[in-house]
Amino acid sequence: MKHDFSGDDGATEERIRNIHKDVWIECPQAGRIINSIIALSQVPKRTTAPCMLVYGDGGSGKTAIVNQFKKMNRGLGSPFAFLSLAENPNNLNYKQLILESLGVPMRLAEKRGMLSQEVAGFIQSREIRVLVIDEFHDLLLVPRNEQLKNLSLQKGLSGDPFNLSVIGFGTRAAKNALSSDVQLNRRYHTVELKPWGINHDFRNFLATLEKKVSLKNDSLLYQEDMVRLIHYHSKGLMDNVLRIVKSAAIYAVITGEERITKELIEKAVLDPWGYKSMK
């Protein structure tokens, strides 16, 4: 008989929804990056603002850090503006995307020029110090003539009269493309967001994640055999770890096991969304 996720089983449905929710778990590598960006944002205005590129494999947790900054922004005095190059429903060009993310009225840009003193004054009046760009590699992995325009714009943003610190989050391809411009590369401090190793930090992360999924019985994900199994299947990538553990937790709820076992981890890897068709 198939499980019914409605009616009397509403509590189970609610638990599954809660497991699916995004979670933020403090970990040393992400913490160091966050603290570095906060420190960078507090540098007094100077001729060339400091910039940073955080790069790593897809699924390494870059967007999770960006989302955490969005939550922290108001508490920090709202010095950050955010732009995701993966989101462009209106097919705007790069300059227009930047101005939109900074809240600059397009009429001002059209009247005075895209990067005019008036536009800079508008940005300064909002006290924006940092532009955070997710999927940063998208602005560099374009035809050479367009890439040169984008690189030139990046220089303009971090120099007078804008003095914006640009924080890019992207893949290794972004680092390679940035290296092609010596002057721009010199402005960017680069930080690699590495996959998890089998170490104390990874065990602590799994122990905290186990608490977040709220099963009734202990799964002991921090034990060596579980750590190695999860690391093997996830390759140490943050997104993979979350997907495997969350899916295994849902299977644990559906089966009544109420703890994550090796068998449920294997099942989550093989068929992460198969819990709705369980007999």
C-alpha atoms as a PDB file:
ATOM      1  CA  MET A   1       0.000   0.000   0.000  1.00  0.00           C
ATOM      2  CA  LYS A   2       1.377   3.429  -0.904  1.00  0.00           C
ATOM      3  CA  HIS A   3       1.871   6.046   1.784  1.00  0.00           C
ATOM      4  CA  ASP A   4      -0.651   8.885   1.752  1.00  0.00           C
ATOM      5  CA  PHE A   5       0.865  12.270   2.538  1.00  0.00           C
ATOM      6  CA  SER A   6      -2.445  13.881   3.491  1.00  0.00           C
ATOM      7  CA  GLY A   7      -5.247  13.598   5.992  1.00  0.00           C
ATOM      8  CA  ASP A   8      -4.205  11.685   9.142  1.00  0.00           C
ATOM      9  CA  ASP A   9      -0.624  11.606   7.882  1.00  0.00           C
ATOM     10  CA  GLY A  10      -0.350  15.395   7.915  1.00  0.00           C
ATOM     11  CA  ALA A  11       2.249  15.301  10.685  1.00  0.00           C
ATOM     12  CA  THR A  12       4.499  13.120   8.526  1.00  0.00           C
ATOM     13  CA  GLU A  13       4.057  15.486   5.609  1.00  0.00           C
ATOM     14  CA  GLU A  14       5.015  18.425   7.825  1.00  0.00           C
ATOM     15  CA  ARG A  15       8.131  16.625   9.050  1.00  0.00           C
ATOM     16  CA  ILE A  16       9.196  15.950   5.474  1.00  0.00           C
ATOM     17  CA  ARG A  17       8.700  19.600   4.546  1.00  0.00           C
ATOM     18  CA  ASN A  18      10.847  20.620   7.504  1.00  0.00           C
ATOM     19  CA  ILE A  19      13.625  18.240   6.490  1.00  0.00           C
ATOM     20  CA  HIS A  20      13.604  19.726   2.978  1.00  0.00           C
ATOM     21  CA  LYS A  21      14.057  23.294   4.255  1.00  0.00           C
ATOM     22  CA  ASP A  22      17.393  25.004   3.673  1.00  0.00           C
ATOM     23  CA  VAL A  23      19.670  24.931   6.692  1.00  0.00           C
ATOM     24  CA  TRP A  24      22.753  26.916   7.596  1.00  0.00           C
ATOM     25  CA  ILE A  25      25.362  25.154   9.701  1.00  0.00           C
ATOM     26  CA  GLU A  26      28.387  27.055  10.928  1.00  0.00           C
ATOM     27  CA  CYS A  27      31.649  25.470   9.807  1.00  0.00           C
ATOM     28  CA  PRO A  28      35.244  26.757   9.937  1.00  0.00           C
ATOM     29  CA  GLN A  29      35.848  27.115   6.195  1.00  0.00           C
ATOM     30  CA  ALA A  30      32.657  29.088   5.544  1.00  0.00           C
ATOM     31  CA  GLY A  31      33.207  31.069   8.742  1.00  0.00           C
ATOM     32  CA  ARG A  32      36.639  32.204   7.611  1.00  0.00           C
ATOM     33  CA  ILE A  33      35.246  33.354   4.272  1.00  0.00           C
ATOM     34  CA  ILE A  34      32.369  35.239   5.908  1.00  0.00           C
ATOM     35  CA  ASN A  35      34.699  36.967   8.377  1.00  0.00           C
ATOM     36  CA  SER A  36      37.094  37.924   5.573  1.00  0.00           C
ATOM     37  CA  ILE A  37      34.289  39.510   3.547  1.00  0.00           C
ATOM     38  CA  ILE A  38      33.009  41.420   6.575  1.00  0.00           C
ATOM     39  CA  ALA A  39      36.537  42.696   7.238  1.00  0.00           C
ATOM     40  CA  LEU A  40      36.882  43.695   3.586  1.00  0.00           C
ATOM     41  CA  SER A  41      33.570  45.579   3.692  1.00  0.00           C
ATOM     42  CA  GLN A  42      34.835  47.679   6.605  1.00  0.00           C
ATOM     43  CA  VAL A  43      37.968  48.954   4.857  1.00  0.00           C
ATOM     44  CA  PRO A  44      37.838  52.784   4.649  1.00  0.00           C
ATOM     45  CA  LYS A  45      37.270  54.238   1.197  1.00  0.00           C
ATOM     46  CA  ARG A  46      40.385  54.231  -0.939  1.00  0.00           C
ATOM     47  CA  THR A  47      41.316  54.746  -4.575  1.00  0.00           C
ATOM     48  CA  THR A  48      40.920  51.067  -5.441  1.00  0.00           C
ATOM     49  CA  ALA A  49      38.521  49.043  -3.309  1.00  0.00           C
ATOM     50  CA  PRO A  50      39.676  45.543  -2.324  1.00  0.00           C
ATOM     51  CA  CYS A  51      37.884  42.672  -4.090  1.00  0.00           C
ATOM     52  CA  MET A  52      37.625  38.931  -3.569  1.00  0.00           C
ATOM     53  CA  LEU A  53      36.822  35.830  -5.594  1.00  0.00           C
ATOM     54  CA  VAL A  54      35.561  32.729  -3.800  1.00  0.00           C
ATOM     55  CA  TYR A  55      35.778  29.777  -6.142  1.00  0.00           C
ATOM     56  CA  GLY A  56      35.074  26.071  -5.931  1.00  0.00           C
ATOM     57  CA  ASP A  57      33.435  23.119  -7.617  1.00  0.00           C
ATOM     58  CA  GLY A  58      29.716  23.177  -8.277  1.00  0.00           C
ATOM     59  CA  GLY A  59      27.892  22.134  -5.115  1.00  0.00           C
ATOM     60  CA  SER A  60      30.667  23.246  -2.750  1.00  0.00           C
ATOM     61  CA  GLY A  61      28.392  25.642  -0.849  1.00  0.00           C
ATOM     62  CA  LYS A  62      29.070  29.000  -2.532  1.00  0.00           C
ATOM     63  CA  THR A  63      25.421  29.972  -2.930  1.00  0.00           C
ATOM     64  CA  ALA A  64      24.706  28.961   0.680  1.00  0.00           C
ATOM     65  CA  ILE A  65      27.272  31.532   1.827  1.00  0.00           C
ATOM     66  CA  VAL A  66      25.709  34.187  -0.435  1.00  0.00           C
ATOM     67  CA  ASN A  67      22.272  33.416   1.013  1.00  0.00           C
ATOM     68  CA  GLN A  68      23.661  33.677   4.544  1.00  0.00           C
ATOM     69  CA  PHE A  69      25.023  37.134   3.727  1.00  0.00           C
ATOM     70  CA  LYS A  70      21.581  38.168   2.493  1.00  0.00           C
ATOM     71  CA  LYS A  71      20.180  37.260   5.905  1.00  0.00           C
ATOM     72  CA  MET A  72      23.012  39.076   7.705  1.00  0.00           C
ATOM     73  CA  ASN A  73      22.917  42.185   5.507  1.00  0.00           C
ATOM     74  CA  ARG A  74      20.506  44.329   7.511  1.00  0.00           C
ATOM     75  CA  GLY A  75      22.231  43.538  10.789  1.00  0.00           C
ATOM     76  CA  LEU A  76      25.531  44.664   9.289  1.00  0.00           C
ATOM     77  CA  GLY A  77      24.055  47.998   8.225  1.00  0.00           C
ATOM     78  CA  SER A  78      22.975  46.862   4.734  1.00  0.00           C
ATOM     79  CA  PRO A  79      26.313  47.554   3.000  1.00  0.00           C
ATOM     80  CA  PHE A  80      25.809  44.687   0.518  1.00  0.00           C
ATOM     81  CA  ALA A  81      24.003  44.505  -2.815  1.00  0.00           C
ATOM     82  CA  PHE A  82      23.463  41.140  -4.494  1.00  0.00           C
ATOM     83  CA  LEU A  83      23.449  39.933  -8.065  1.00  0.00           C
ATOM     84  CA  SER A  84      23.052  36.388  -9.386  1.00  0.00           C
ATOM     85  CA  LEU A  85      24.131  36.036 -12.987  1.00  0.00           C
ATOM     86  CA  ALA A  86      22.074  32.843 -13.203  1.00  0.00           C
ATOM     87  CA  GLU A  87      18.896  34.933 -12.887  1.00  0.00           C
ATOM     88  CA  ASN A  88      18.161  37.243 -15.810  1.00  0.00           C
ATOM     89  CA  PRO A  89      14.504  36.845 -16.872  1.00  0.00           C
ATOM     90  CA  ASN A  90      14.459  40.236 -18.629  1.00  0.00           C
ATOM     91  CA  ASN A  91      17.574  39.474 -20.675  1.00  0.00           C
ATOM     92  CA  LEU A  92      19.419  42.556 -19.419  1.00  0.00           C
ATOM     93  CA  ASN A  93      23.043  43.147 -20.302  1.00  0.00           C
ATOM     94  CA  TYR A  94      25.707  43.050 -17.599  1.00  0.00           C
ATOM     95  CA  LYS A  95      25.730  46.791 -16.932  1.00  0.00           C
ATOM     96  CA  GLN A  96      21.958  46.837 -16.584  1.00  0.00           C
ATOM     97  CA  LEU A  97      22.044  43.850 -14.216  1.00  0.00           C
ATOM     98  CA  ILE A  98      24.558  45.635 -11.996  1.00  0.00           C
ATOM     99  CA  LEU A  99      22.529  48.832 -11.887  1.00  0.00           C
ATOM    100  CA  GLU A 100      19.348  46.895 -11.158  1.00  0.00           C
ATOM    101  CA  SER A 101      21.022  45.049  -8.269  1.00  0.00           C
ATOM    102  CA  LEU A 102      22.270  48.368  -6.851  1.00  0.00           C
ATOM    103  CA  GLY A 103      18.792  49.869  -7.099  1.00  0.00           C
ATOM    104  CA  VAL A 104      19.838  52.546  -9.603  1.00  0.00           C
ATOM    105  CA  PRO A 105      16.843  53.841 -11.640  1.00  0.00           C
ATOM    106  CA  MET A 106      17.407  53.013 -15.296  1.00  0.00           C
ATOM    107  CA  ARG A 107      16.290  56.510 -16.280  1.00  0.00           C
ATOM    108  CA  LEU A 108      19.207  57.960 -14.307  1.00  0.00           C
ATOM    109  CA  ALA A 109      21.662  55.645 -16.036  1.00  0.00           C
ATOM    110  CA  GLU A 110      20.209  56.389 -19.464  1.00  0.00           C
ATOM    111  CA  LYS A 111      20.234  60.127 -18.887  1.00  0.00           C
ATOM    112  CA  ARG A 112      23.668  60.482 -17.327  1.00  0.00           C
ATOM    113  CA  GLY A 113      25.515  57.413 -18.561  1.00  0.00           C
ATOM    114  CA  MET A 114      25.751  53.924 -17.121  1.00  0.00           C
ATOM    115  CA  LEU A 115      28.794  54.688 -14.956  1.00  0.00           C
ATOM    116  CA  SER A 116      28.511  58.414 -14.373  1.00  0.00           C
ATOM    117  CA  GLN A 117      29.265  60.538 -11.335  1.00  0.00           C
ATOM    118  CA  GLU A 118      25.512  60.862 -10.751  1.00  0.00           C
ATOM    119  CA  VAL A 119      25.123  57.092 -10.652  1.00  0.00           C
ATOM    120  CA  ALA A 120      28.057  56.872  -8.245  1.00  0.00           C
ATOM    121  CA  GLY A 121      26.402  59.508  -6.048  1.00  0.00           C
ATOM    122  CA  PHE A 122      23.182  57.485  -5.971  1.00  0.00           C
ATOM    123  CA  ILE A 123      25.088  54.359  -4.877  1.00  0.00           C
ATOM    124  CA  GLN A 124      26.962  56.281  -2.192  1.00  0.00           C
ATOM    125  CA  SER A 125      23.728  57.801  -0.898  1.00  0.00           C
ATOM    126  CA  ARG A 126      22.502  54.264  -0.202  1.00  0.00           C
ATOM    127  CA  GLU A 127      25.807  53.509   1.571  1.00  0.00           C
ATOM    128  CA  ILE A 128      26.423  50.390  -0.496  1.00  0.00           C
ATOM    129  CA  ARG A 129      30.013  49.270  -0.054  1.00  0.00           C
ATOM    130  CA  VAL A 130      30.028  45.765  -1.526  1.00  0.00           C
ATOM    131  CA  LEU A 131      28.521  44.089  -4.588  1.00  0.00           C
ATOM    132  CA  VAL A 132      28.205  40.311  -4.168  1.00  0.00           C
ATOM    133  CA  ILE A 133      27.980  38.443  -7.477  1.00  0.00           C
ATOM    134  CA  ASP A 134      26.944  34.785  -7.549  1.00  0.00           C
ATOM    135  CA  GLU A 135      27.813  32.683 -10.620  1.00  0.00           C
ATOM    136  CA  PHE A 136      30.650  35.137 -11.272  1.00  0.00           C
ATOM    137  CA  HIS A 137      32.110  32.899 -13.987  1.00  0.00           C
ATOM    138  CA  ASP A 138      29.132  33.680 -16.251  1.00  0.00           C
ATOM    139  CA  LEU A 139      30.427  37.199 -16.912  1.00  0.00           C
ATOM    140  CA  LEU A 140      33.839  35.865 -17.945  1.00  0.00           C
ATOM    141  CA  LEU A 141      32.890  32.766 -19.932  1.00  0.00           C
ATOM    142  CA  VAL A 142      31.662  34.750 -22.929  1.00  0.00           C
ATOM    143  CA  PRO A 143      33.140  35.705 -26.339  1.00  0.00           C
ATOM    144  CA  ARG A 144      36.445  37.534 -25.978  1.00  0.00           C
ATOM    145  CA  ASN A 145      35.172  40.984 -26.975  1.00  0.00           C
ATOM    146  CA  GLU A 146      32.319  40.771 -24.460  1.00  0.00           C
ATOM    147  CA  GLN A 147      34.673  39.423 -21.791  1.00  0.00           C
ATOM    148  CA  LEU A 148      36.965  42.429 -22.268  1.00  0.00           C
ATOM    149  CA  LYS A 149      34.004  44.793 -21.785  1.00  0.00           C
ATOM    150  CA  ASN A 150      32.969  42.974 -18.618  1.00  0.00           C
ATOM    151  CA  LEU A 151      36.514  43.022 -17.242  1.00  0.00           C
ATOM    152  CA  SER A 152      36.767  46.742 -17.967  1.00  0.00           C
ATOM    153  CA  LEU A 153      33.500  47.304 -16.110  1.00  0.00           C
ATOM    154  CA  GLN A 154      34.842  45.357 -13.125  1.00  0.00           C
ATOM    155  CA  LYS A 155      37.817  47.705 -12.948  1.00  0.00           C
ATOM    156  CA  GLY A 156      35.494  50.691 -13.092  1.00  0.00           C
ATOM    157  CA  LEU A 157      33.336  49.469 -10.227  1.00  0.00           C
ATOM    158  CA  SER A 158      36.236  49.040  -7.811  1.00  0.00           C
ATOM    159  CA  GLY A 159      37.890  52.362  -8.737  1.00  0.00           C
ATOM    160  CA  ASP A 160      36.868  56.019  -8.439  1.00  0.00           C
ATOM    161  CA  PRO A 161      34.148  57.258  -8.215  1.00  0.00           C
ATOM    162  CA  PHE A 162      32.361  54.018  -7.251  1.00  0.00           C
ATOM    163  CA  ASN A 163      34.908  52.356  -4.961  1.00  0.00           C
ATOM    164  CA  LEU A 164      32.781  49.221  -4.666  1.00  0.00           C
ATOM    165  CA  SER A 165      34.333  46.045  -3.350  1.00  0.00           C
ATOM    166  CA  VAL A 166      33.224  43.233  -5.637  1.00  0.00           C
ATOM    167  CA  ILE A 167      32.904  39.759  -4.117  1.00  0.00           C
ATOM    168  CA  GLY A 168      32.544  37.089  -6.772  1.00  0.00           C
ATOM    169  CA  PHE A 169      31.432  33.521  -6.151  1.00  0.00           C
ATOM    170  CA  GLY A 170      32.148  31.149  -9.019  1.00  0.00           C
ATOM    171  CA  THR A 171      33.891  28.091 -10.364  1.00  0.00           C
ATOM    172  CA  ARG A 172      37.594  27.565 -11.000  1.00  0.00           C
ATOM    173  CA  ALA A 173      36.928  28.783 -14.545  1.00  0.00           C
ATOM    174  CA  ALA A 174      36.288  32.227 -13.046  1.00  0.00           C
ATOM    175  CA  LYS A 175      39.724  32.215 -11.410  1.00  0.00           C
ATOM    176  CA  ASN A 176      41.360  31.173 -14.683  1.00  0.00           C
ATOM    177  CA  ALA A 177      39.537  33.875 -16.645  1.00  0.00           C
ATOM    178  CA  LEU A 178      40.362  36.516 -14.044  1.00  0.00           C
ATOM    179  CA  SER A 179      44.035  35.606 -14.342  1.00  0.00           C
ATOM    180  CA  SER A 180      43.971  36.671 -17.988  1.00  0.00           C
ATOM    181  CA  ASP A 181      43.884  40.336 -16.923  1.00  0.00           C
ATOM    182  CA  VAL A 182      46.983  41.124 -14.861  1.00  0.00           C
ATOM    183  CA  GLN A 183      45.715  44.433 -13.482  1.00  0.00           C
ATOM    184  CA  LEU A 184      42.320  43.067 -12.462  1.00  0.00           C
ATOM    185  CA  ASN A 185      43.788  39.868 -11.067  1.00  0.00           C
ATOM    186  CA  ARG A 186      45.991  41.959  -8.779  1.00  0.00           C
ATOM    187  CA  ARG A 187      42.894  43.561  -7.230  1.00  0.00           C
ATOM    188  CA  TYR A 188      41.258  40.256  -6.317  1.00  0.00           C
ATOM    189  CA  HIS A 189      42.165  38.107  -3.359  1.00  0.00           C
ATOM    190  CA  THR A 190      41.183  34.541  -4.290  1.00  0.00           C
ATOM    191  CA  VAL A 191      39.926  31.923  -1.845  1.00  0.00           C
ATOM    192  CA  GLU A 192      39.193  28.321  -2.746  1.00  0.00           C
ATOM    193  CA  LEU A 193      36.138  26.699  -1.178  1.00  0.00           C
ATOM    194  CA  LYS A 194      37.388  23.128  -0.925  1.00  0.00           C
ATOM    195  CA  PRO A 195      35.369  19.913  -0.595  1.00  0.00           C
ATOM    196  CA  TRP A 196      35.186  18.350   2.850  1.00  0.00           C
ATOM    197  CA  GLY A 197      37.932  16.003   3.921  1.00  0.00           C
ATOM    198  CA  ILE A 198      37.394  13.157   6.356  1.00  0.00           C
ATOM    199  CA  ASN A 199      38.307  15.151   9.433  1.00  0.00           C
ATOM    200  CA  HIS A 200      37.050  16.650  12.678  1.00  0.00           C
ATOM    201  CA  ASP A 201      35.225  19.499  10.916  1.00  0.00           C
ATOM    202  CA  PHE A 202      33.301  17.085   8.684  1.00  0.00           C
ATOM    203  CA  ARG A 203      32.299  14.932  11.666  1.00  0.00           C
ATOM    204  CA  ASN A 204      31.057  17.994  13.532  1.00  0.00           C
ATOM    205  CA  PHE A 205      29.089  19.107  10.492  1.00  0.00           C
ATOM    206  CA  LEU A 206      27.384  15.696  10.223  1.00  0.00           C
ATOM    207  CA  ALA A 207      26.615  15.655  13.953  1.00  0.00           C
ATOM    208  CA  THR A 208      24.929  19.068  13.682  1.00  0.00           C
ATOM    209  CA  LEU A 209      23.076  18.107  10.507  1.00  0.00           C
ATOM    210  CA  GLU A 210      21.750  15.012  12.283  1.00  0.00           C
ATOM    211  CA  LYS A 211      20.149  17.289  14.884  1.00  0.00           C
ATOM    212  CA  LYS A 212      18.626  19.477  12.160  1.00  0.00           C
ATOM    213  CA  VAL A 213      16.691  16.599  10.535  1.00  0.00           C
ATOM    214  CA  SER A 214      15.110  15.782  13.931  1.00  0.00           C
ATOM    215  CA  LEU A 215      14.651  12.025  13.903  1.00  0.00           C
ATOM    216  CA  LYS A 216      13.433  10.221  17.018  1.00  0.00           C
ATOM    217  CA  ASN A 217      16.438   7.916  17.334  1.00  0.00           C
ATOM    218  CA  ASP A 218      20.175   8.647  17.181  1.00  0.00           C
ATOM    219  CA  SER A 219      21.812   8.008  13.802  1.00  0.00           C
ATOM    220  CA  LEU A 220      25.403   8.610  14.994  1.00  0.00           C
ATOM    221  CA  LEU A 221      26.451  10.090  11.665  1.00  0.00           C
ATOM    222  CA  TYR A 222      29.734  11.218  13.217  1.00  0.00           C
ATOM    223  CA  GLN A 223      30.916   7.620  13.684  1.00  0.00           C
ATOM    224  CA  GLU A 224      33.741   6.562  11.383  1.00  0.00           C
ATOM    225  CA  ASP A 225      31.874   4.073   9.204  1.00  0.00           C
ATOM    226  CA  MET A 226      29.018   6.526   8.580  1.00  0.00           C
ATOM    227  CA  VAL A 227      31.421   9.402   7.960  1.00  0.00           C
ATOM    228  CA  ARG A 228      33.332   7.435   5.356  1.00  0.00           C
ATOM    229  CA  LEU A 229      30.189   6.178   3.627  1.00  0.00           C
ATOM    230  CA  ILE A 230      28.689   9.673   3.326  1.00  0.00           C
ATOM    231  CA  HIS A 231      32.002  11.145   2.219  1.00  0.00           C
ATOM    232  CA  TYR A 232      32.429   8.445  -0.417  1.00  0.00           C
ATOM    233  CA  HIS A 233      29.027   9.074  -1.988  1.00  0.00           C
ATOM    234  CA  SER A 234      29.128  12.873  -1.664  1.00  0.00           C
ATOM    235  CA  LYS A 235      32.771  13.357  -2.718  1.00  0.00           C
ATOM    236  CA  GLY A 236      32.894  15.863   0.107  1.00  0.00           C
ATOM    237  CA  LEU A 237      30.682  18.406  -1.687  1.00  0.00           C
ATOM    238  CA  MET A 238      28.322  20.333   0.577  1.00  0.00           C
ATOM    239  CA  ASP A 239      25.242  20.057  -1.665  1.00  0.00           C
ATOM    240  CA  ASN A 240      25.727  16.310  -2.084  1.00  0.00           C
ATOM    241  CA  VAL A 241      26.090  15.775   1.671  1.00  0.00           C
ATOM    242  CA  LEU A 242      22.870  17.682   2.378  1.00  0.00           C
ATOM    243  CA  ARG A 243      20.951  15.893  -0.356  1.00  0.00           C
ATOM    244  CA  ILE A 244      22.024  12.423   0.796  1.00  0.00           C
ATOM    245  CA  VAL A 245      21.418  12.984   4.504  1.00  0.00           C
ATOM    246  CA  LYS A 246      18.072  14.733   3.996  1.00  0.00           C
ATOM    247  CA  SER A 247      16.810  12.027   1.650  1.00  0.00           C
ATOM    248  CA  ALA A 248      17.960   9.271   4.012  1.00  0.00           C
ATOM    249  CA  ALA A 249      16.211  11.085   6.891  1.00  0.00           C
ATOM    250  CA  ILE A 250      12.944  11.172   4.950  1.00  0.00           C
ATOM    251  CA  TYR A 251      13.233   7.452   4.243  1.00  0.00           C
ATOM    252  CA  ALA A 252      13.826   6.987   7.979  1.00  0.00           C
ATOM    253  CA  VAL A 253      10.562   8.820   8.716  1.00  0.00           C
ATOM    254  CA  ILE A 254       8.555   6.930   6.096  1.00  0.00           C
ATOM    255  CA  THR A 255       9.813   3.488   7.130  1.00  0.00           C
ATOM    256  CA  GLY A 256       9.429   4.176  10.834  1.00  0.00           C
ATOM    257  CA  GLU A 257      13.130   3.456  11.341  1.00  0.00           C
ATOM    258  CA  GLU A 258      13.541   6.983  12.755  1.00  0.00           C
ATOM    259  CA  ARG A 259      17.296   6.876  12.316  1.00  0.00           C
ATOM    260  CA  ILE A 260      19.619   7.026   9.320  1.00  0.00           C
ATOM    261  CA  THR A 261      21.239   3.685   8.576  1.00  0.00           C
ATOM    262  CA  LYS A 262      23.831   2.637   6.022  1.00  0.00           C
ATOM    263  CA  GLU A 263      21.064   0.967   4.032  1.00  0.00           C
ATOM    264  CA  LEU A 264      18.996   4.151   3.943  1.00  0.00           C
ATOM    265  CA  ILE A 265      22.022   6.161   2.833  1.00  0.00           C
ATOM    266  CA  GLU A 266      22.534   3.746  -0.050  1.00  0.00           C
ATOM    267  CA  LYS A 267      18.837   4.030  -0.885  1.00  0.00           C
ATOM    268  CA  ALA A 268      19.021   7.832  -0.798  1.00  0.00           C
ATOM    269  CA  VAL A 269      21.967   7.772  -3.211  1.00  0.00           C
ATOM    270  CA  LEU A 270      20.248   5.362  -5.581  1.00  0.00           C
ATOM    271  CA  ASP A 271      16.775   6.941  -5.531  1.00  0.00           C
ATOM    272  CA  PRO A 272      16.657  10.230  -3.562  1.00  0.00           C
ATOM    273  CA  TRP A 273      13.020  10.971  -4.455  1.00  0.00           C
ATOM    274  CA  GLY A 274      11.627   7.460  -4.322  1.00  0.00           C
ATOM    275  CA  TYR A 275      10.072   7.706  -0.880  1.00  0.00           C
ATOM    276  CA  LYS A 276       6.624   8.626  -2.229  1.00  0.00           C
ATOM    277  CA  SER A 277       6.257   5.354  -4.089  1.00  0.00           C
ATOM    278  CA  MET A 278       7.343   3.102  -1.242  1.00  0.00           C
ATOM    279  CA  LYS A 279       5.099   0.112  -0.584  1.00  0.00           C
END
